[in-house]
Amino acid sequence: MLRGLKEYVAAPAGDRLSHPISDLAAVVTVTDDGGSSGRLRREYSVLPPGDIRNCMVALSKDEHLLGQLFQYRFPAGRGLAGHSFGNLFLTALTNVTGDFPKAVQVSAQVLAIRGRIFPSTDQNVTLQAQLVDGTVVSGETNISRSRRQIRRVRLVPRRVQPVPQVLAAIREADLILVGPGSLYTSIIPNLLIEQVVEAITHSRATRVYIANLMTQPGETQHYSVADHVRAIYEHTREGLFDFAVVNRKAVEPRMLRRYRAQGAEPVDPSLAELTRMGLRYVSGNLLQQDSVIRHDQMRLTRLLLNEFVNRRPHR
């Protein structure tokens, strides 16, 4: 989504007709504890850099060269194998600057990104899940691996302070987009920070949930779009969103068989239920079906621009 939207971010004196977005800010969760990010987090007591790195590459001006550099993963070497260059770069900058958000800002300048990126908090937090059978699982990686239905998730510690720039970006926004992404391990963690939810609730922006295309085994098995929204409301508050963006294109049979063999299925749009919940929706053909199922970058971007950006009066 960021990769598509960045093409429409205006330069300071740019053409607002062809580049209608004056500012683009991404808020990224910091609960990842697996792979390279998890190792760096444990060894250097830094926030996990992986999700931030991915967003930086998506927003970078020269994605081909610098993006390849930041995504380069060392194939061998004692202590190096499995680490990406971007993760090491962010970790080194954090130690140099003494501040993870500052390291993200400097890295963004190196990549010449079109937009801004913020971690949701600069506190070292752990994601914890209570499963339907009462079991409590700690750590994002363990939660994803459990493949059992989740009742609730929470942050440890519970009282978490957001990065101030996050609240400022929300207050200044005309459009707030939430999703797509893993419901319990990517979307909801950002919304477990009370001040973030308060800022979204009182924002003048149009608030939009972008629905996932496929369910995730265990985590959201058999969930409809309405079920996803309901889970977010249960962790935050009713009526957090004004709109939902929903795919209306059917998945091809060959892809359907492949995903069902892995325990995943298309997310039911549940349009009537969304209406009963008082949530308006916008639908379109948003599917990209190659080796995997993903949102079609340009179709999703055009839908968001047409429905929520171009129709707004410019400030």
Protein backbone atom coordinates (compact mmCIF):
# COMPACT_ATOMS: atom_id res chain seq x y z
CA MET A 1 0.00 0.00 0.00
CA LEU A 2 2.80 2.42 0.89
CA ARG A 3 4.61 1.54 -2.31
CA GLY A 4 1.57 2.61 -4.33
CA LEU A 5 0.70 5.73 -2.36
CA LYS A 6 4.25 7.15 -2.42
CA GLU A 7 3.93 7.83 -6.16
CA TYR A 8 1.26 10.43 -5.37
CA VAL A 9 3.13 12.34 -2.66
CA ALA A 10 3.75 15.91 -3.79
CA ALA A 11 7.09 17.65 -3.61
CA PRO A 12 7.03 20.96 -1.64
CA ALA A 13 6.11 22.90 -4.81
CA GLY A 14 4.67 19.99 -6.74
CA ASP A 15 1.56 19.57 -8.84
CA ARG A 16 -1.35 18.86 -6.47
CA LEU A 17 -3.53 17.46 -9.26
CA SER A 18 -1.23 14.59 -10.19
CA HIS A 19 0.27 14.38 -6.68
CA PRO A 20 -2.66 15.00 -4.31
CA ILE A 21 -0.98 13.68 -1.12
CA SER A 22 0.89 16.40 0.77
CA ASP A 23 2.19 14.12 3.53
CA LEU A 24 2.29 10.37 4.09
CA ALA A 25 3.08 8.97 7.56
CA ALA A 26 3.37 5.29 8.49
CA VAL A 27 3.01 4.06 12.07
CA VAL A 28 4.65 0.67 12.65
CA THR A 29 4.27 -1.83 15.47
CA VAL A 30 7.35 -2.83 17.49
CA THR A 31 6.39 -6.22 18.94
CA ASP A 32 8.32 -8.45 16.50
CA ASP A 33 10.57 -10.87 18.38
CA GLY A 34 11.51 -13.38 15.68
CA GLY A 35 14.33 -13.82 13.17
CA SER A 36 16.94 -11.11 12.75
CA SER A 37 14.82 -8.51 14.57
CA GLY A 38 14.39 -10.77 17.57
CA ARG A 39 18.10 -11.54 17.79
CA LEU A 40 19.07 -7.87 17.67
CA ARG A 41 16.37 -7.04 20.19
CA ARG A 42 17.72 -9.59 22.66
CA GLU A 43 21.41 -8.88 22.11
CA TYR A 44 21.36 -5.08 21.89
CA SER A 45 18.14 -4.12 23.71
CA VAL A 46 16.90 -2.20 20.66
CA LEU A 47 13.41 -2.08 19.23
CA PRO A 48 12.84 -4.62 16.44
CA PRO A 49 13.87 -2.97 13.15
CA GLY A 50 12.43 -5.41 10.58
CA ASP A 51 8.93 -3.97 10.02
CA ILE A 52 10.33 -0.42 10.01
CA ARG A 53 12.95 -1.48 7.44
CA ASN A 54 10.28 -2.95 5.15
CA CYS A 55 8.28 0.28 5.26
CA MET A 56 11.39 2.33 4.54
CA VAL A 57 12.19 0.28 1.47
CA ALA A 58 8.58 0.56 0.27
CA LEU A 59 8.74 4.36 0.56
CA SER A 60 12.28 4.82 -0.76
CA LYS A 61 12.79 6.90 -3.88
CA ASP A 62 15.42 4.58 -5.32
CA GLU A 63 13.88 1.28 -4.29
CA HIS A 64 15.91 -0.80 -6.71
CA LEU A 65 19.42 -0.05 -5.42
CA LEU A 66 19.09 1.14 -1.82
CA GLY A 67 16.09 -1.11 -1.31
CA GLN A 68 18.15 -4.12 -2.36
CA LEU A 69 20.93 -3.01 -0.01
CA PHE A 70 18.66 -2.61 3.01
CA GLN A 71 16.93 -5.93 2.29
CA TYR A 72 20.20 -7.81 1.70
CA ARG A 73 20.38 -10.76 4.08
CA PHE A 74 23.78 -12.24 4.96
CA PRO A 75 23.81 -15.92 3.93
CA ALA A 76 26.73 -16.95 6.16
CA GLY A 77 29.18 -15.78 8.80
CA ARG A 78 29.34 -16.25 12.55
CA GLY A 79 26.82 -13.87 14.06
CA LEU A 80 25.94 -12.41 10.65
CA ALA A 81 23.99 -15.24 9.01
CA GLY A 82 20.29 -14.36 8.76
CA HIS A 83 20.70 -10.67 9.53
CA SER A 84 19.65 -8.09 6.95
CA PHE A 85 21.87 -5.08 6.29
CA GLY A 86 18.99 -2.70 7.04
CA ASN A 87 18.41 -4.24 10.46
CA LEU A 88 22.12 -3.91 11.32
CA PHE A 89 22.17 -0.35 9.99
CA LEU A 90 19.21 0.68 12.16
CA THR A 91 20.71 -1.05 15.20
CA ALA A 92 24.05 0.70 14.72
CA LEU A 93 22.35 4.08 14.28
CA THR A 94 20.30 3.50 17.43
CA ASN A 95 23.51 2.97 19.40
CA VAL A 96 25.14 6.03 17.79
CA THR A 97 22.17 8.36 18.32
CA GLY A 98 20.96 6.75 21.54
CA ASP A 99 17.38 6.88 20.26
CA PHE A 100 15.51 4.46 17.97
CA PRO A 101 13.05 7.04 16.51
CA LYS A 102 16.07 9.28 15.71
CA ALA A 103 17.78 6.33 14.00
CA VAL A 104 14.65 5.77 11.92
CA GLN A 105 14.62 9.46 10.94
CA VAL A 106 18.28 9.39 9.85
CA SER A 107 17.78 6.16 7.91
CA ALA A 108 14.80 7.69 6.16
CA GLN A 109 17.02 10.54 5.00
CA VAL A 110 19.59 8.08 3.63
CA LEU A 111 16.88 6.26 1.66
CA ALA A 112 15.25 9.54 0.56
CA ILE A 113 11.83 8.16 1.41
CA ARG A 114 8.63 9.84 0.27
CA GLY A 115 6.88 10.20 3.59
CA ARG A 116 7.60 9.68 7.26
CA ILE A 117 7.85 6.53 9.40
CA PHE A 118 7.39 6.25 13.14
CA PRO A 119 7.45 3.35 15.58
CA SER A 120 4.20 3.41 17.54
CA THR A 121 6.20 3.55 20.80
CA ASP A 122 9.86 3.67 21.80
CA GLN A 123 9.25 1.39 24.79
CA ASN A 124 10.39 -2.24 24.78
CA VAL A 125 7.03 -4.03 24.73
CA THR A 126 6.02 -7.68 24.51
CA LEU A 127 2.82 -8.92 22.89
CA GLN A 128 0.85 -11.41 24.97
CA ALA A 129 -2.20 -13.41 23.89
CA GLN A 130 -4.90 -15.20 25.81
CA LEU A 131 -6.22 -18.12 23.77
CA VAL A 132 -9.81 -19.38 23.89
CA ASP A 133 -8.73 -22.35 26.00
CA GLY A 134 -7.31 -19.98 28.64
CA THR A 135 -3.66 -20.50 27.73
CA VAL A 136 -1.48 -17.36 27.82
CA VAL A 137 1.22 -17.10 25.12
CA SER A 138 3.96 -14.46 25.21
CA GLY A 139 5.84 -13.15 22.18
CA GLU A 140 4.64 -12.37 18.67
CA THR A 141 6.46 -15.36 17.17
CA ASN A 142 4.98 -17.83 19.66
CA ILE A 143 1.51 -16.38 19.12
CA SER A 144 1.78 -16.79 15.35
CA ARG A 145 3.06 -20.35 15.72
CA SER A 146 0.37 -21.47 18.17
CA ARG A 147 -2.26 -21.90 15.42
CA ARG A 148 -4.94 -21.75 18.12
CA GLN A 149 -7.82 -19.30 18.30
CA ILE A 150 -7.07 -16.05 20.09
CA ARG A 151 -9.44 -14.42 22.57
CA ARG A 152 -7.52 -11.25 23.35
CA VAL A 153 -4.06 -9.72 23.05
CA ARG A 154 -2.36 -7.17 25.28
CA LEU A 155 0.94 -5.35 25.62
CA VAL A 156 3.34 -5.92 28.50
CA PRO A 157 3.76 -3.48 30.14
CA ARG A 158 0.15 -2.39 29.69
CA ARG A 159 0.62 1.37 30.09
CA VAL A 160 2.57 2.30 26.98
CA GLN A 161 3.37 5.81 25.84
CA PRO A 162 3.25 6.57 22.10
CA VAL A 163 5.96 8.42 20.22
CA PRO A 164 4.76 12.09 20.27
CA GLN A 165 5.10 12.41 16.48
CA VAL A 166 2.55 9.63 16.07
CA LEU A 167 -0.12 11.60 17.90
CA ALA A 168 0.77 14.72 15.91
CA ALA A 169 0.50 12.84 12.61
CA ILE A 170 -2.93 11.49 13.59
CA ARG A 171 -4.15 14.95 14.61
CA GLU A 172 -3.00 16.46 11.30
CA ALA A 173 -4.34 13.65 9.09
CA ASP A 174 -7.19 13.94 6.61
CA LEU A 175 -7.22 10.16 6.08
CA ILE A 176 -6.28 7.36 8.48
CA LEU A 177 -5.76 3.90 6.97
CA VAL A 178 -5.57 0.79 9.15
CA GLY A 179 -4.45 -2.46 7.51
CA PRO A 180 -4.05 -4.70 5.71
CA GLY A 181 -2.00 -6.97 7.95
CA SER A 182 -2.11 -9.74 10.54
CA LEU A 183 -5.01 -8.85 12.81
CA TYR A 184 -3.70 -9.81 16.24
CA THR A 185 0.04 -9.44 15.68
CA SER A 186 0.29 -6.43 13.36
CA ILE A 187 -2.90 -4.33 13.39
CA ILE A 188 -4.22 -4.50 16.95
CA PRO A 189 -0.85 -3.98 18.73
CA ASN A 190 -0.68 -0.37 17.51
CA LEU A 191 -4.23 0.12 18.80
CA LEU A 192 -3.44 -1.19 22.27
CA ILE A 193 -1.80 2.16 23.03
CA GLU A 194 -4.59 4.13 24.67
CA GLN A 195 -3.51 7.58 23.49
CA VAL A 196 -3.34 6.37 19.88
CA VAL A 197 -6.95 5.19 20.02
CA GLU A 198 -8.00 8.44 21.69
CA ALA A 199 -6.32 10.45 18.92
CA ILE A 200 -7.99 8.38 16.18
CA THR A 201 -11.37 8.65 17.90
CA HIS A 202 -11.22 12.44 18.08
CA SER A 203 -9.59 12.92 14.68
CA ARG A 204 -11.39 14.85 11.96
CA ALA A 205 -9.93 12.40 9.43
CA THR A 206 -11.85 9.78 7.50
CA ARG A 207 -10.98 6.50 9.23
CA VAL A 208 -10.72 3.47 6.95
CA TYR A 209 -10.10 -0.21 7.65
CA ILE A 210 -8.57 -2.11 4.72
CA ALA A 211 -9.71 -5.70 4.98
CA ASN A 212 -7.40 -8.68 4.55
CA LEU A 213 -7.92 -10.92 1.54
CA MET A 214 -7.26 -14.28 3.19
CA THR A 215 -7.67 -15.69 6.69
CA GLN A 216 -4.65 -16.85 8.71
CA PRO A 217 -4.61 -20.38 10.11
CA GLY A 218 -5.46 -20.30 13.79
CA GLU A 219 -5.23 -16.53 14.17
CA THR A 220 -8.26 -15.58 12.07
CA GLN A 221 -9.60 -18.92 10.81
CA HIS A 222 -13.14 -18.53 9.40
CA TYR A 223 -13.14 -14.77 10.18
CA SER A 224 -15.24 -12.50 7.97
CA VAL A 225 -14.49 -8.81 7.44
CA ALA A 226 -17.08 -8.03 10.12
CA ASP A 227 -15.31 -10.43 12.50
CA HIS A 228 -12.02 -8.59 11.93
CA VAL A 229 -13.67 -5.23 12.63
CA ARG A 230 -15.47 -6.62 15.68
CA ALA A 231 -12.17 -7.92 17.11
CA ILE A 232 -10.60 -4.47 16.68
CA TYR A 233 -13.59 -2.81 18.36
CA GLU A 234 -13.39 -5.25 21.28
CA HIS A 235 -9.78 -4.17 21.87
CA THR A 236 -10.47 -0.46 21.31
CA ARG A 237 -13.98 0.97 21.04
CA GLU A 238 -17.10 0.77 18.88
CA GLY A 239 -17.27 2.95 15.79
CA LEU A 240 -13.53 3.49 15.39
CA PHE A 241 -13.87 3.29 11.57
CA ASP A 242 -16.02 5.19 9.08
CA PHE A 243 -15.41 2.85 6.13
CA ALA A 244 -14.13 -0.60 5.27
CA VAL A 245 -12.36 -1.39 1.98
CA VAL A 246 -13.36 -4.86 0.81
CA ASN A 247 -12.29 -7.05 -2.11
CA ARG A 248 -15.11 -8.30 -4.35
CA LYS A 249 -13.07 -10.43 -6.80
CA ALA A 250 -13.28 -14.21 -6.42
CA VAL A 251 -10.09 -16.19 -5.88
CA GLU A 252 -9.14 -18.52 -8.74
CA PRO A 253 -9.84 -22.24 -8.04
CA ARG A 254 -6.15 -23.24 -8.31
CA MET A 255 -5.15 -20.65 -5.71
CA LEU A 256 -8.12 -21.55 -3.55
CA ARG A 257 -7.04 -25.18 -3.41
CA ARG A 258 -3.46 -24.20 -2.52
CA TYR A 259 -4.49 -21.91 0.32
CA ARG A 260 -7.13 -24.27 1.70
CA ALA A 261 -4.46 -26.97 1.93
CA GLN A 262 -2.64 -24.61 4.31
CA GLY A 263 -5.76 -23.87 6.36
CA ALA A 264 -6.51 -20.45 4.82
CA GLU A 265 -9.56 -19.23 2.91
CA PRO A 266 -10.86 -15.97 1.39
CA VAL A 267 -12.18 -13.50 3.94
CA ASP A 268 -15.98 -13.33 3.61
CA PRO A 269 -16.92 -9.70 2.76
CA SER A 270 -20.00 -9.94 5.06
CA LEU A 271 -21.36 -6.72 3.56
CA ALA A 272 -24.81 -7.01 5.13
CA GLU A 273 -23.28 -7.46 8.56
CA LEU A 274 -21.02 -4.44 8.06
CA THR A 275 -24.11 -2.40 7.25
CA ARG A 276 -25.83 -3.66 10.41
CA MET A 277 -22.76 -2.54 12.35
CA GLY A 278 -23.18 0.95 10.90
CA LEU A 279 -19.99 0.73 8.86
CA ARG A 280 -19.98 1.97 5.28
CA TYR A 281 -17.89 0.05 2.77
CA VAL A 282 -16.17 0.47 -0.58
CA SER A 283 -15.48 -2.62 -2.68
CA GLY A 284 -13.46 -3.39 -5.80
CA ASN A 285 -11.35 -5.96 -7.60
CA LEU A 286 -8.26 -5.75 -5.41
CA LEU A 287 -6.74 -9.19 -6.03
CA GLN A 288 -3.32 -9.97 -7.41
CA GLN A 289 -3.08 -13.72 -7.99
CA ASP A 290 0.36 -14.87 -9.07
CA SER A 291 2.38 -17.25 -6.93
CA VAL A 292 0.67 -15.80 -3.85
CA ILE A 293 -2.47 -13.77 -3.18
CA ARG A 294 -1.81 -10.11 -2.41
CA HIS A 295 -3.58 -6.79 -2.77
CA ASP A 296 -3.00 -5.39 -6.24
CA GLN A 297 -0.87 -2.36 -5.48
CA MET A 298 -2.18 -0.02 -8.17
CA ARG A 299 -5.85 -1.03 -7.93
CA LEU A 300 -5.85 -0.48 -4.19
CA THR A 301 -4.03 2.84 -4.58
CA ARG A 302 -6.47 4.09 -7.23
CA LEU A 303 -9.46 3.06 -5.10
CA LEU A 304 -8.11 4.91 -2.06
CA LEU A 305 -7.30 8.01 -4.10
CA ASN A 306 -10.65 8.07 -5.90
CA GLU A 307 -12.79 7.38 -2.86
CA PHE A 308 -10.99 9.18 -0.06
CA VAL A 309 -8.39 11.63 -1.38
CA ASN A 310 -9.51 13.24 -4.65
CA ARG A 311 -13.00 13.98 -3.32
CA ARG A 312 -11.70 15.97 -0.35
CA PRO A 313 -11.20 19.75 -0.64
CA HIS A 314 -7.50 20.62 -0.60
CA ARG A 315 -6.33 22.44 2.51
